[in-house]
Amino acid sequence: MGIGITHEHQELARSVRGWLTRAVPPGDVRKLLDAPRTDDPPGRPAHWDAAAAQGLLGIHLPERYGGGGGTLLELAVALEETGAALLPGPYPGHALAAEVLRRTAHHDLVAALADGRRVAAAAFGPGGLTAVRDADG
């Protein structure tokens, strides 16, 4: 089965791109990228509530959880646009975590992720990947 990008997906991409331009302009992204690194966790992104109100956090989740009722294809469209805009924050990991939790029947958490009350990321158990801090951080 091939993936078909429809006119609706193109419109979704335009809509997400327009929202990103208004909510997280490139100048704001540049300031965040140029900010000095700290060891403190970054906390909740300033645009997170607006992303939830726009429907981005749950675009791929069923409506019964407060999601947009879309599929992973709609999520892929949103991820492409947020990636192109260098959207700061854990959006890809958050979306992945929400999908995993939905599929594993953690429905109470899925609604909180869809509306932005909670922020999540996917994490993998012990394995062959180890992060090591180097001189660059």
C-alpha atoms as a PDB file:
ATOM      1  CA  MET A   1       0.000   0.000   0.000  1.00  0.00           C
ATOM      2  CA  GLY A   2       1.437   3.342  -1.003  1.00  0.00           C
ATOM      3  CA  ILE A   3       1.096   6.562   0.911  1.00  0.00           C
ATOM      4  CA  GLY A   4      -0.983   9.110  -0.919  1.00  0.00           C
ATOM      5  CA  ILE A   5      -0.781  12.786  -0.039  1.00  0.00           C
ATOM      6  CA  THR A   6      -4.194  14.252  -0.723  1.00  0.00           C
ATOM      7  CA  HIS A   7      -5.343  17.815  -1.238  1.00  0.00           C
ATOM      8  CA  GLU A   8      -6.487  17.756   2.411  1.00  0.00           C
ATOM      9  CA  HIS A   9      -2.955  16.838   3.504  1.00  0.00           C
ATOM     10  CA  GLN A  10      -1.542  19.707   1.477  1.00  0.00           C
ATOM     11  CA  GLU A  11      -4.035  22.051   3.139  1.00  0.00           C
ATOM     12  CA  LEU A  12      -3.087  20.646   6.546  1.00  0.00           C
ATOM     13  CA  ALA A  13       0.584  21.303   5.781  1.00  0.00           C
ATOM     14  CA  ARG A  14      -0.205  24.897   4.800  1.00  0.00           C
ATOM     15  CA  SER A  15      -2.256  25.377   7.957  1.00  0.00           C
ATOM     16  CA  VAL A  16       0.453  23.987  10.241  1.00  0.00           C
ATOM     17  CA  ARG A  17       3.118  26.044   8.452  1.00  0.00           C
ATOM     18  CA  GLY A  18       1.041  29.209   8.893  1.00  0.00           C
ATOM     19  CA  TRP A  19       0.474  28.519  12.580  1.00  0.00           C
ATOM     20  CA  LEU A  20       4.176  27.864  13.125  1.00  0.00           C
ATOM     21  CA  THR A  21       5.089  31.147  11.453  1.00  0.00           C
ATOM     22  CA  ARG A  22       2.777  33.028  13.811  1.00  0.00           C
ATOM     23  CA  ALA A  23       3.274  31.044  17.039  1.00  0.00           C
ATOM     24  CA  VAL A  24       6.980  30.247  16.840  1.00  0.00           C
ATOM     25  CA  PRO A  25       8.574  32.665  14.373  1.00  0.00           C
ATOM     26  CA  PRO A  26      12.051  31.845  13.041  1.00  0.00           C
ATOM     27  CA  GLY A  27      13.606  34.645  15.123  1.00  0.00           C
ATOM     28  CA  ASP A  28      12.319  33.042  18.330  1.00  0.00           C
ATOM     29  CA  VAL A  29      13.644  29.655  17.248  1.00  0.00           C
ATOM     30  CA  ARG A  30      17.051  31.210  16.499  1.00  0.00           C
ATOM     31  CA  LYS A  31      17.170  32.768  20.005  1.00  0.00           C
ATOM     32  CA  LEU A  32      16.509  29.369  21.559  1.00  0.00           C
ATOM     33  CA  LEU A  33      19.145  27.694  19.400  1.00  0.00           C
ATOM     34  CA  ASP A  34      21.701  30.377  20.259  1.00  0.00           C
ATOM     35  CA  ALA A  35      20.946  30.393  24.003  1.00  0.00           C
ATOM     36  CA  PRO A  36      23.695  29.053  26.264  1.00  0.00           C
ATOM     37  CA  ARG A  37      23.259  25.444  27.318  1.00  0.00           C
ATOM     38  CA  THR A  38      22.502  24.630  30.925  1.00  0.00           C
ATOM     39  CA  ASP A  39      22.163  21.405  32.871  1.00  0.00           C
ATOM     40  CA  ASP A  40      18.648  22.406  33.928  1.00  0.00           C
ATOM     41  CA  PRO A  41      15.800  20.590  32.202  1.00  0.00           C
ATOM     42  CA  PRO A  42      14.178  22.888  29.648  1.00  0.00           C
ATOM     43  CA  GLY A  43      10.656  22.589  31.055  1.00  0.00           C
ATOM     44  CA  ARG A  44       7.442  23.047  29.150  1.00  0.00           C
ATOM     45  CA  PRO A  45       7.851  24.880  25.823  1.00  0.00           C
ATOM     46  CA  ALA A  46       6.194  28.305  25.752  1.00  0.00           C
ATOM     47  CA  HIS A  47       4.162  27.353  22.666  1.00  0.00           C
ATOM     48  CA  TRP A  48       2.898  24.015  24.078  1.00  0.00           C
ATOM     49  CA  ASP A  49      -0.601  25.163  25.083  1.00  0.00           C
ATOM     50  CA  ALA A  50      -1.055  26.864  21.721  1.00  0.00           C
ATOM     51  CA  ALA A  51       0.063  23.675  19.942  1.00  0.00           C
ATOM     52  CA  ALA A  52      -2.531  21.748  21.953  1.00  0.00           C
ATOM     53  CA  ALA A  53      -5.244  24.306  21.127  1.00  0.00           C
ATOM     54  CA  GLN A  54      -4.283  24.036  17.445  1.00  0.00           C
ATOM     55  CA  GLY A  55      -4.789  20.270  17.701  1.00  0.00           C
ATOM     56  CA  LEU A  56      -1.209  19.333  16.880  1.00  0.00           C
ATOM     57  CA  LEU A  57      -0.503  17.324  20.023  1.00  0.00           C
ATOM     58  CA  GLY A  58      -3.290  14.855  19.352  1.00  0.00           C
ATOM     59  CA  ILE A  59      -3.774  15.154  15.605  1.00  0.00           C
ATOM     60  CA  HIS A  60      -3.325  11.391  15.189  1.00  0.00           C
ATOM     61  CA  LEU A  61      -5.301  10.298  18.243  1.00  0.00           C
ATOM     62  CA  PRO A  62      -8.958   9.231  18.315  1.00  0.00           C
ATOM     63  CA  GLU A  63     -11.499  11.910  19.152  1.00  0.00           C
ATOM     64  CA  ARG A  64     -12.641   9.995  22.245  1.00  0.00           C
ATOM     65  CA  TYR A  65      -9.302  10.971  23.838  1.00  0.00           C
ATOM     66  CA  GLY A  66      -9.547  14.577  22.740  1.00  0.00           C
ATOM     67  CA  GLY A  67      -7.498  13.961  19.618  1.00  0.00           C
ATOM     68  CA  GLY A  68      -8.144  15.097  16.092  1.00  0.00           C
ATOM     69  CA  GLY A  69      -9.249  11.700  14.823  1.00  0.00           C
ATOM     70  CA  GLY A  70      -6.501  11.605  12.220  1.00  0.00           C
ATOM     71  CA  THR A  71      -4.046   8.895  11.339  1.00  0.00           C
ATOM     72  CA  LEU A  72      -0.297   8.550  11.397  1.00  0.00           C
ATOM     73  CA  LEU A  73      -0.315  10.115   7.935  1.00  0.00           C
ATOM     74  CA  GLU A  74      -1.726  13.382   9.312  1.00  0.00           C
ATOM     75  CA  LEU A  75       0.871  13.180  12.061  1.00  0.00           C
ATOM     76  CA  ALA A  76       3.584  12.714   9.418  1.00  0.00           C
ATOM     77  CA  VAL A  77       2.400  15.873   7.650  1.00  0.00           C
ATOM     78  CA  ALA A  78       2.529  17.812  10.931  1.00  0.00           C
ATOM     79  CA  LEU A  79       5.943  16.355  11.824  1.00  0.00           C
ATOM     80  CA  GLU A  80       7.351  17.362   8.452  1.00  0.00           C
ATOM     81  CA  GLU A  81       6.226  20.959   8.923  1.00  0.00           C
ATOM     82  CA  THR A  82       7.338  21.209  12.559  1.00  0.00           C
ATOM     83  CA  GLY A  83      10.691  19.711  11.612  1.00  0.00           C
ATOM     84  CA  ALA A  84      11.148  22.164   8.753  1.00  0.00           C
ATOM     85  CA  ALA A  85      10.405  25.018  11.173  1.00  0.00           C
ATOM     86  CA  LEU A  86      12.798  23.584  13.797  1.00  0.00           C
ATOM     87  CA  LEU A  87       9.978  23.648  16.349  1.00  0.00           C
ATOM     88  CA  PRO A  88      11.648  23.574  19.774  1.00  0.00           C
ATOM     89  CA  GLY A  89      10.499  20.962  22.240  1.00  0.00           C
ATOM     90  CA  PRO A  90       9.611  17.310  22.392  1.00  0.00           C
ATOM     91  CA  TYR A  91       6.888  17.190  19.730  1.00  0.00           C
ATOM     92  CA  PRO A  92       8.062  14.065  17.832  1.00  0.00           C
ATOM     93  CA  GLY A  93       8.762  12.096  21.010  1.00  0.00           C
ATOM     94  CA  HIS A  94       5.528  13.309  22.584  1.00  0.00           C
ATOM     95  CA  ALA A  95       3.516  12.141  19.564  1.00  0.00           C
ATOM     96  CA  LEU A  96       5.277   8.769  19.573  1.00  0.00           C
ATOM     97  CA  ALA A  97       4.706   8.306  23.303  1.00  0.00           C
ATOM     98  CA  ALA A  98       1.009   9.164  22.909  1.00  0.00           C
ATOM     99  CA  GLU A  99       0.641   6.575  20.153  1.00  0.00           C
ATOM    100  CA  VAL A 100       2.414   3.880  22.176  1.00  0.00           C
ATOM    101  CA  LEU A 101       0.262   4.631  25.227  1.00  0.00           C
ATOM    102  CA  ARG A 102      -2.899   4.537  23.114  1.00  0.00           C
ATOM    103  CA  ARG A 103      -1.970   1.132  21.742  1.00  0.00           C
ATOM    104  CA  THR A 104      -1.151  -0.211  25.214  1.00  0.00           C
ATOM    105  CA  ALA A 105      -4.453   0.900  26.778  1.00  0.00           C
ATOM    106  CA  HIS A 106      -3.094   3.714  28.960  1.00  0.00           C
ATOM    107  CA  HIS A 107      -6.100   5.774  27.940  1.00  0.00           C
ATOM    108  CA  ASP A 108      -6.064   8.114  30.941  1.00  0.00           C
ATOM    109  CA  LEU A 109      -2.647   9.385  29.916  1.00  0.00           C
ATOM    110  CA  VAL A 110      -3.533   9.663  26.230  1.00  0.00           C
ATOM    111  CA  ALA A 111      -6.160  12.344  26.876  1.00  0.00           C
ATOM    112  CA  ALA A 112      -3.700  14.323  29.021  1.00  0.00           C
ATOM    113  CA  LEU A 113      -1.141  14.166  26.209  1.00  0.00           C
ATOM    114  CA  ALA A 114      -3.654  15.147  23.525  1.00  0.00           C
ATOM    115  CA  ASP A 115      -4.695  18.312  25.344  1.00  0.00           C
ATOM    116  CA  GLY A 116      -1.196  19.218  26.516  1.00  0.00           C
ATOM    117  CA  ARG A 117      -1.742  18.792  30.255  1.00  0.00           C
ATOM    118  CA  ARG A 118       1.189  16.397  30.215  1.00  0.00           C
ATOM    119  CA  VAL A 119       4.358  16.338  28.168  1.00  0.00           C
ATOM    120  CA  ALA A 120       5.894  12.993  27.284  1.00  0.00           C
ATOM    121  CA  ALA A 121       8.731  11.452  25.374  1.00  0.00           C
ATOM    122  CA  ALA A 122       9.534   7.949  24.293  1.00  0.00           C
ATOM    123  CA  ALA A 123      12.345   6.205  26.147  1.00  0.00           C
ATOM    124  CA  PHE A 124      13.909   2.874  25.463  1.00  0.00           C
ATOM    125  CA  GLY A 125      15.068   0.356  28.026  1.00  0.00           C
ATOM    126  CA  PRO A 126      18.639  -0.715  28.600  1.00  0.00           C
ATOM    127  CA  GLY A 127      20.350  -1.783  25.458  1.00  0.00           C
ATOM    128  CA  GLY A 128      23.291  -1.084  23.249  1.00  0.00           C
ATOM    129  CA  LEU A 129      22.956   2.705  23.173  1.00  0.00           C
ATOM    130  CA  THR A 130      24.725   4.785  25.790  1.00  0.00           C
ATOM    131  CA  ALA A 131      24.916   8.572  25.939  1.00  0.00           C
ATOM    132  CA  VAL A 132      28.242  10.018  27.025  1.00  0.00           C
ATOM    133  CA  ARG A 133      28.730  13.712  27.759  1.00  0.00           C
ATOM    134  CA  ASP A 134      31.705  15.147  25.898  1.00  0.00           C
ATOM    135  CA  ALA A 135      33.433  18.530  25.875  1.00  0.00           C
ATOM    136  CA  ASP A 136      30.685  20.034  23.696  1.00  0.00           C
ATOM    137  CA  GLY A 137      27.964  19.039  26.125  1.00  0.00           C
END
